Amino acid sequence: MSIRACLVLAAVLIAAPMAAQAQTPASPNGSPAQRAALDRLAFLDGEWRGTATIHGPGGTMELTQTERVGPMLGGSVRVIEGRGYAADGSTQFNAMAIVSWDARAGKYGFRSYAQGYSGDYAFEATEDGFRWETPAGPGARIRYVAVVKDGTWHEVGTYVAEGQPPRGMIDMRLTRVGDTGWPAAGAVDPAP
């Protein structure tokens, strides 16, 4: 057997167990590391209600803001849905986000869907809340910082652009109003 053939055989023998391990089914409820990381955000679970004051080019708008948060996939992700309502009850804002934990990268993932846009953004759990940010054009971003304490969720969104002073865009103040069964803990029964 040639040296080349021996090297190819050795590579196959080494790679086969690694490939089999990579294909081993993971837990349907995520890993213990994922669940532990997402448990840090359990203080968000429930239904929240309050106001969101938005400062934009057209002036200032105040909405009745609701958020509902809950675990899915056995606690390995958190789902967040936000809605903002005008005084007439019409929905003016609707967003959903999924927070996850990437054990390989050692960081949170944050996927947001809002107003026809979606994206993956940097997210960090802090001692008393969280922070995340989204791009807002060339050289600009919106930085969100939330403090959640004693049943109150206060989140501020600040527009930050090169060469400009930071300016407030959104100020959300919510009170926890109760538990929620959302997202549903159960699944659809597979039997017809």
C-alpha atoms as a PDB file:
ATOM      1  CA  MET A   1       0.000   0.000   0.000  1.00  0.00           C
ATOM      2  CA  SER A   2       1.418   3.381  -0.955  1.00  0.00           C
ATOM      3  CA  ILE A   3       1.972   6.178   1.555  1.00  0.00           C
ATOM      4  CA  ARG A   4      -0.703   8.187  -0.198  1.00  0.00           C
ATOM      5  CA  ALA A   5      -3.262   5.380   0.120  1.00  0.00           C
ATOM      6  CA  CYS A   6      -2.348   4.965   3.827  1.00  0.00           C
ATOM      7  CA  LEU A   7      -2.907   8.701   4.439  1.00  0.00           C
ATOM      8  CA  VAL A   8      -6.303   8.621   2.697  1.00  0.00           C
ATOM      9  CA  LEU A   9      -7.336   5.535   4.696  1.00  0.00           C
ATOM     10  CA  ALA A  10      -6.185   7.175   7.952  1.00  0.00           C
ATOM     11  CA  ALA A  11      -8.161  10.335   7.126  1.00  0.00           C
ATOM     12  CA  VAL A  12     -11.307   8.285   6.441  1.00  0.00           C
ATOM     13  CA  LEU A  13     -10.917   6.298   9.666  1.00  0.00           C
ATOM     14  CA  ILE A  14     -10.462   9.478  11.702  1.00  0.00           C
ATOM     15  CA  ALA A  15     -13.306  11.376   9.997  1.00  0.00           C
ATOM     16  CA  ALA A  16     -15.921   8.589  10.192  1.00  0.00           C
ATOM     17  CA  PRO A  17     -16.442   8.707  13.978  1.00  0.00           C
ATOM     18  CA  MET A  18     -16.461  12.515  13.902  1.00  0.00           C
ATOM     19  CA  ALA A  19     -19.138  12.523  11.183  1.00  0.00           C
ATOM     20  CA  ALA A  20     -21.232   9.995  13.096  1.00  0.00           C
ATOM     21  CA  GLN A  21     -20.985  12.109  16.246  1.00  0.00           C
ATOM     22  CA  ALA A  22     -22.014  15.245  14.326  1.00  0.00           C
ATOM     23  CA  GLN A  23     -25.120  13.418  13.072  1.00  0.00           C
ATOM     24  CA  THR A  24     -26.178  12.161  16.497  1.00  0.00           C
ATOM     25  CA  PRO A  25     -29.643  13.589  17.158  1.00  0.00           C
ATOM     26  CA  ALA A  26     -29.625  16.461  19.628  1.00  0.00           C
ATOM     27  CA  SER A  27     -32.158  16.787  22.407  1.00  0.00           C
ATOM     28  CA  PRO A  28     -35.507  18.110  21.127  1.00  0.00           C
ATOM     29  CA  ASN A  29     -35.337  20.638  23.977  1.00  0.00           C
ATOM     30  CA  GLY A  30     -31.891  22.029  23.182  1.00  0.00           C
ATOM     31  CA  SER A  31     -28.748  21.610  25.211  1.00  0.00           C
ATOM     32  CA  PRO A  32     -28.311  22.268  28.931  1.00  0.00           C
ATOM     33  CA  ALA A  33     -26.069  25.243  27.993  1.00  0.00           C
ATOM     34  CA  GLN A  34     -28.828  26.731  25.820  1.00  0.00           C
ATOM     35  CA  ARG A  35     -31.453  26.318  28.521  1.00  0.00           C
ATOM     36  CA  ALA A  36     -29.161  27.809  31.190  1.00  0.00           C
ATOM     37  CA  ALA A  37     -28.387  30.850  29.016  1.00  0.00           C
ATOM     38  CA  LEU A  38     -32.072  31.405  28.271  1.00  0.00           C
ATOM     39  CA  ASP A  39     -33.023  30.953  31.933  1.00  0.00           C
ATOM     40  CA  ARG A  40     -31.140  34.231  32.501  1.00  0.00           C
ATOM     41  CA  LEU A  41     -33.976  35.899  30.591  1.00  0.00           C
ATOM     42  CA  ALA A  42     -36.877  34.210  32.408  1.00  0.00           C
ATOM     43  CA  PHE A  43     -37.619  37.519  34.176  1.00  0.00           C
ATOM     44  CA  LEU A  44     -39.140  38.668  30.854  1.00  0.00           C
ATOM     45  CA  ASP A  45     -41.730  35.875  30.720  1.00  0.00           C
ATOM     46  CA  GLY A  46     -45.304  37.091  30.915  1.00  0.00           C
ATOM     47  CA  GLU A  47     -47.535  39.829  29.576  1.00  0.00           C
ATOM     48  CA  TRP A  48     -46.509  43.474  29.767  1.00  0.00           C
ATOM     49  CA  ARG A  49     -48.424  46.685  29.055  1.00  0.00           C
ATOM     50  CA  GLY A  50     -47.606  50.375  29.048  1.00  0.00           C
ATOM     51  CA  THR A  51     -46.594  53.145  26.679  1.00  0.00           C
ATOM     52  CA  ALA A  52     -44.099  53.632  23.905  1.00  0.00           C
ATOM     53  CA  THR A  53     -43.200  57.193  22.983  1.00  0.00           C
ATOM     54  CA  ILE A  54     -41.662  57.402  19.518  1.00  0.00           C
ATOM     55  CA  HIS A  55     -39.771  60.473  18.286  1.00  0.00           C
ATOM     56  CA  GLY A  56     -39.521  60.557  14.503  1.00  0.00           C
ATOM     57  CA  PRO A  57     -39.334  62.908  11.563  1.00  0.00           C
ATOM     58  CA  GLY A  58     -43.113  63.370  11.653  1.00  0.00           C
ATOM     59  CA  GLY A  59     -43.125  64.348  15.340  1.00  0.00           C
ATOM     60  CA  THR A  60     -43.820  62.440  18.521  1.00  0.00           C
ATOM     61  CA  MET A  61     -46.303  59.572  18.713  1.00  0.00           C
ATOM     62  CA  GLU A  62     -47.477  57.723  21.815  1.00  0.00           C
ATOM     63  CA  LEU A  63     -48.730  54.158  21.578  1.00  0.00           C
ATOM     64  CA  THR A  64     -50.165  51.697  24.041  1.00  0.00           C
ATOM     65  CA  GLN A  65     -47.447  49.050  23.932  1.00  0.00           C
ATOM     66  CA  THR A  66     -47.821  45.379  24.824  1.00  0.00           C
ATOM     67  CA  GLU A  67     -45.182  42.682  24.970  1.00  0.00           C
ATOM     68  CA  ARG A  68     -45.568  39.008  25.637  1.00  0.00           C
ATOM     69  CA  VAL A  69     -42.622  36.733  26.236  1.00  0.00           C
ATOM     70  CA  GLY A  70     -42.280  33.022  26.772  1.00  0.00           C
ATOM     71  CA  PRO A  71     -40.025  30.007  26.318  1.00  0.00           C
ATOM     72  CA  MET A  72     -40.191  27.490  23.501  1.00  0.00           C
ATOM     73  CA  LEU A  73     -38.288  24.324  22.587  1.00  0.00           C
ATOM     74  CA  GLY A  74     -38.087  23.236  26.197  1.00  0.00           C
ATOM     75  CA  GLY A  75     -36.706  26.600  27.321  1.00  0.00           C
ATOM     76  CA  SER A  76     -33.856  26.697  24.802  1.00  0.00           C
ATOM     77  CA  VAL A  77     -35.263  29.829  23.080  1.00  0.00           C
ATOM     78  CA  ARG A  78     -37.380  32.815  24.143  1.00  0.00           C
ATOM     79  CA  VAL A  79     -40.023  34.305  21.864  1.00  0.00           C
ATOM     80  CA  ILE A  80     -41.006  37.975  22.200  1.00  0.00           C
ATOM     81  CA  GLU A  81     -43.948  39.647  20.482  1.00  0.00           C
ATOM     82  CA  GLY A  82     -44.546  43.395  20.711  1.00  0.00           C
ATOM     83  CA  ARG A  83     -47.549  45.384  19.541  1.00  0.00           C
ATOM     84  CA  GLY A  84     -48.148  49.111  19.594  1.00  0.00           C
ATOM     85  CA  TYR A  85     -51.711  50.439  19.406  1.00  0.00           C
ATOM     86  CA  ALA A  86     -52.951  53.929  18.509  1.00  0.00           C
ATOM     87  CA  ALA A  87     -55.697  55.617  20.542  1.00  0.00           C
ATOM     88  CA  ASP A  88     -58.319  54.246  18.114  1.00  0.00           C
ATOM     89  CA  GLY A  89     -57.143  50.665  18.815  1.00  0.00           C
ATOM     90  CA  SER A  90     -55.464  50.143  15.439  1.00  0.00           C
ATOM     91  CA  THR A  91     -52.158  48.276  15.404  1.00  0.00           C
ATOM     92  CA  GLN A  92     -49.363  50.688  14.477  1.00  0.00           C
ATOM     93  CA  PHE A  93     -46.426  48.452  15.318  1.00  0.00           C
ATOM     94  CA  ASN A  94     -45.980  44.688  15.435  1.00  0.00           C
ATOM     95  CA  ALA A  95     -42.699  42.845  15.972  1.00  0.00           C
ATOM     96  CA  MET A  96     -41.494  39.413  16.921  1.00  0.00           C
ATOM     97  CA  ALA A  97     -38.069  38.290  18.045  1.00  0.00           C
ATOM     98  CA  ILE A  98     -36.427  35.006  18.920  1.00  0.00           C
ATOM     99  CA  VAL A  99     -33.561  34.919  21.407  1.00  0.00           C
ATOM    100  CA  SER A 100     -31.307  31.864  21.371  1.00  0.00           C
ATOM    101  CA  TRP A 101     -27.904  30.769  22.641  1.00  0.00           C
ATOM    102  CA  ASP A 102     -25.060  29.642  20.379  1.00  0.00           C
ATOM    103  CA  ALA A 103     -22.862  27.479  22.610  1.00  0.00           C
ATOM    104  CA  ARG A 104     -20.135  27.209  19.963  1.00  0.00           C
ATOM    105  CA  ALA A 105     -19.815  30.994  19.633  1.00  0.00           C
ATOM    106  CA  GLY A 106     -20.544  31.588  23.337  1.00  0.00           C
ATOM    107  CA  LYS A 107     -23.099  34.319  22.636  1.00  0.00           C
ATOM    108  CA  TYR A 108     -26.776  35.044  22.240  1.00  0.00           C
ATOM    109  CA  GLY A 109     -28.503  35.160  18.889  1.00  0.00           C
ATOM    110  CA  PHE A 110     -31.308  37.641  18.320  1.00  0.00           C
ATOM    111  CA  ARG A 111     -33.536  37.367  15.242  1.00  0.00           C
ATOM    112  CA  SER A 112     -36.069  40.158  14.861  1.00  0.00           C
ATOM    113  CA  TYR A 113     -39.009  40.644  12.511  1.00  0.00           C
ATOM    114  CA  ALA A 114     -40.700  44.058  12.387  1.00  0.00           C
ATOM    115  CA  GLN A 115     -42.550  46.257   9.922  1.00  0.00           C
ATOM    116  CA  GLY A 116     -41.549  44.099   6.922  1.00  0.00           C
ATOM    117  CA  TYR A 117     -37.868  43.827   7.894  1.00  0.00           C
ATOM    118  CA  SER A 118     -35.903  41.065   9.556  1.00  0.00           C
ATOM    119  CA  GLY A 119     -32.375  40.479  10.658  1.00  0.00           C
ATOM    120  CA  ASP A 120     -29.922  38.950  13.077  1.00  0.00           C
ATOM    121  CA  TYR A 121     -28.549  41.407  15.606  1.00  0.00           C
ATOM    122  CA  ALA A 122     -26.065  41.502  18.467  1.00  0.00           C
ATOM    123  CA  PHE A 123     -27.792  40.868  21.811  1.00  0.00           C
ATOM    124  CA  GLU A 124     -26.377  40.912  25.317  1.00  0.00           C
ATOM    125  CA  ALA A 125     -27.996  39.971  28.615  1.00  0.00           C
ATOM    126  CA  THR A 126     -27.028  42.442  31.334  1.00  0.00           C
ATOM    127  CA  GLU A 127     -27.274  42.288  35.101  1.00  0.00           C
ATOM    128  CA  ASP A 128     -30.644  44.085  35.084  1.00  0.00           C
ATOM    129  CA  GLY A 129     -31.963  43.594  31.547  1.00  0.00           C
ATOM    130  CA  PHE A 130     -30.510  43.419  28.059  1.00  0.00           C
ATOM    131  CA  ARG A 131     -29.181  45.463  25.157  1.00  0.00           C
ATOM    132  CA  TRP A 132     -29.194  45.048  21.405  1.00  0.00           C
ATOM    133  CA  GLU A 133     -28.733  47.158  18.312  1.00  0.00           C
ATOM    134  CA  THR A 134     -29.753  47.289  14.695  1.00  0.00           C
ATOM    135  CA  PRO A 135     -28.259  49.067  11.664  1.00  0.00           C
ATOM    136  CA  ALA A 136     -30.046  52.283  10.663  1.00  0.00           C
ATOM    137  CA  GLY A 137     -28.330  53.267   7.429  1.00  0.00           C
ATOM    138  CA  PRO A 138     -24.710  53.925   6.494  1.00  0.00           C
ATOM    139  CA  GLY A 139     -22.650  54.666   9.603  1.00  0.00           C
ATOM    140  CA  ALA A 140     -25.740  54.639  11.835  1.00  0.00           C
ATOM    141  CA  ARG A 141     -27.437  52.268  14.256  1.00  0.00           C
ATOM    142  CA  ILE A 142     -30.194  52.195  16.837  1.00  0.00           C
ATOM    143  CA  ARG A 143     -29.019  51.036  20.240  1.00  0.00           C
ATOM    144  CA  TYR A 144     -31.674  49.597  22.566  1.00  0.00           C
ATOM    145  CA  VAL A 145     -31.031  49.307  26.292  1.00  0.00           C
ATOM    146  CA  ALA A 146     -33.626  47.701  28.585  1.00  0.00           C
ATOM    147  CA  VAL A 147     -33.699  47.667  32.370  1.00  0.00           C
ATOM    148  CA  VAL A 148     -36.221  45.285  33.918  1.00  0.00           C
ATOM    149  CA  LYS A 149     -36.688  45.670  37.649  1.00  0.00           C
ATOM    150  CA  ASP A 150     -39.514  45.226  40.165  1.00  0.00           C
ATOM    151  CA  GLY A 151     -42.122  44.396  37.511  1.00  0.00           C
ATOM    152  CA  THR A 152     -41.176  47.353  35.280  1.00  0.00           C
ATOM    153  CA  TRP A 153     -39.579  47.107  31.833  1.00  0.00           C
ATOM    154  CA  HIS A 154     -37.992  50.370  30.656  1.00  0.00           C
ATOM    155  CA  GLU A 155     -36.372  50.266  27.218  1.00  0.00           C
ATOM    156  CA  VAL A 156     -34.788  53.185  25.400  1.00  0.00           C
ATOM    157  CA  GLY A 157     -33.831  53.214  21.720  1.00  0.00           C
ATOM    158  CA  THR A 158     -31.170  55.747  20.740  1.00  0.00           C
ATOM    159  CA  TYR A 159     -30.183  56.676  17.190  1.00  0.00           C
ATOM    160  CA  VAL A 160     -26.387  56.846  16.923  1.00  0.00           C
ATOM    161  CA  ALA A 161     -24.739  58.141  13.727  1.00  0.00           C
ATOM    162  CA  GLU A 162     -21.210  59.163  12.901  1.00  0.00           C
ATOM    163  CA  GLY A 163     -20.704  62.902  13.339  1.00  0.00           C
ATOM    164  CA  GLN A 164     -24.055  63.460  15.081  1.00  0.00           C
ATOM    165  CA  PRO A 165     -25.043  63.605  18.719  1.00  0.00           C
ATOM    166  CA  PRO A 166     -27.080  60.546  19.842  1.00  0.00           C
ATOM    167  CA  ARG A 167     -30.819  61.203  19.872  1.00  0.00           C
ATOM    168  CA  GLY A 168     -33.644  59.343  21.553  1.00  0.00           C
ATOM    169  CA  MET A 169     -36.048  57.557  19.226  1.00  0.00           C
ATOM    170  CA  ILE A 170     -38.169  55.413  21.503  1.00  0.00           C
ATOM    171  CA  ASP A 171     -38.911  55.284  25.203  1.00  0.00           C
ATOM    172  CA  MET A 172     -40.943  52.247  26.273  1.00  0.00           C
ATOM    173  CA  ARG A 173     -42.245  51.873  29.831  1.00  0.00           C
ATOM    174  CA  LEU A 174     -44.150  48.705  30.635  1.00  0.00           C
ATOM    175  CA  THR A 175     -45.572  47.026  33.705  1.00  0.00           C
ATOM    176  CA  ARG A 176     -45.870  43.276  34.033  1.00  0.00           C
ATOM    177  CA  VAL A 177     -49.593  42.479  34.070  1.00  0.00           C
ATOM    178  CA  GLY A 178     -49.453  38.718  34.468  1.00  0.00           C
ATOM    179  CA  ASP A 179     -48.404  35.319  33.284  1.00  0.00           C
ATOM    180  CA  THR A 180     -49.088  34.103  29.802  1.00  0.00           C
ATOM    181  CA  GLY A 181     -49.705  30.699  28.295  1.00  0.00           C
ATOM    182  CA  TRP A 182     -48.112  32.010  25.111  1.00  0.00           C
ATOM    183  CA  PRO A 183     -46.364  30.562  23.339  1.00  0.00           C
ATOM    184  CA  ALA A 184     -48.344  27.407  23.954  1.00  0.00           C
ATOM    185  CA  ALA A 185     -46.421  24.839  25.935  1.00  0.00           C
ATOM    186  CA  GLY A 186     -48.106  21.928  24.226  1.00  0.00           C
ATOM    187  CA  ALA A 187     -48.071  20.765  20.654  1.00  0.00           C
ATOM    188  CA  VAL A 188     -50.732  19.645  18.228  1.00  0.00           C
ATOM    189  CA  ASP A 189     -51.581  16.012  18.833  1.00  0.00           C
ATOM    190  CA  PRO A 190     -50.046  13.944  16.019  1.00  0.00           C
ATOM    191  CA  ALA A 191     -53.000  11.520  15.971  1.00  0.00           C
ATOM    192  CA  PRO A 192     -55.657  12.306  13.332  1.00  0.00           C
END
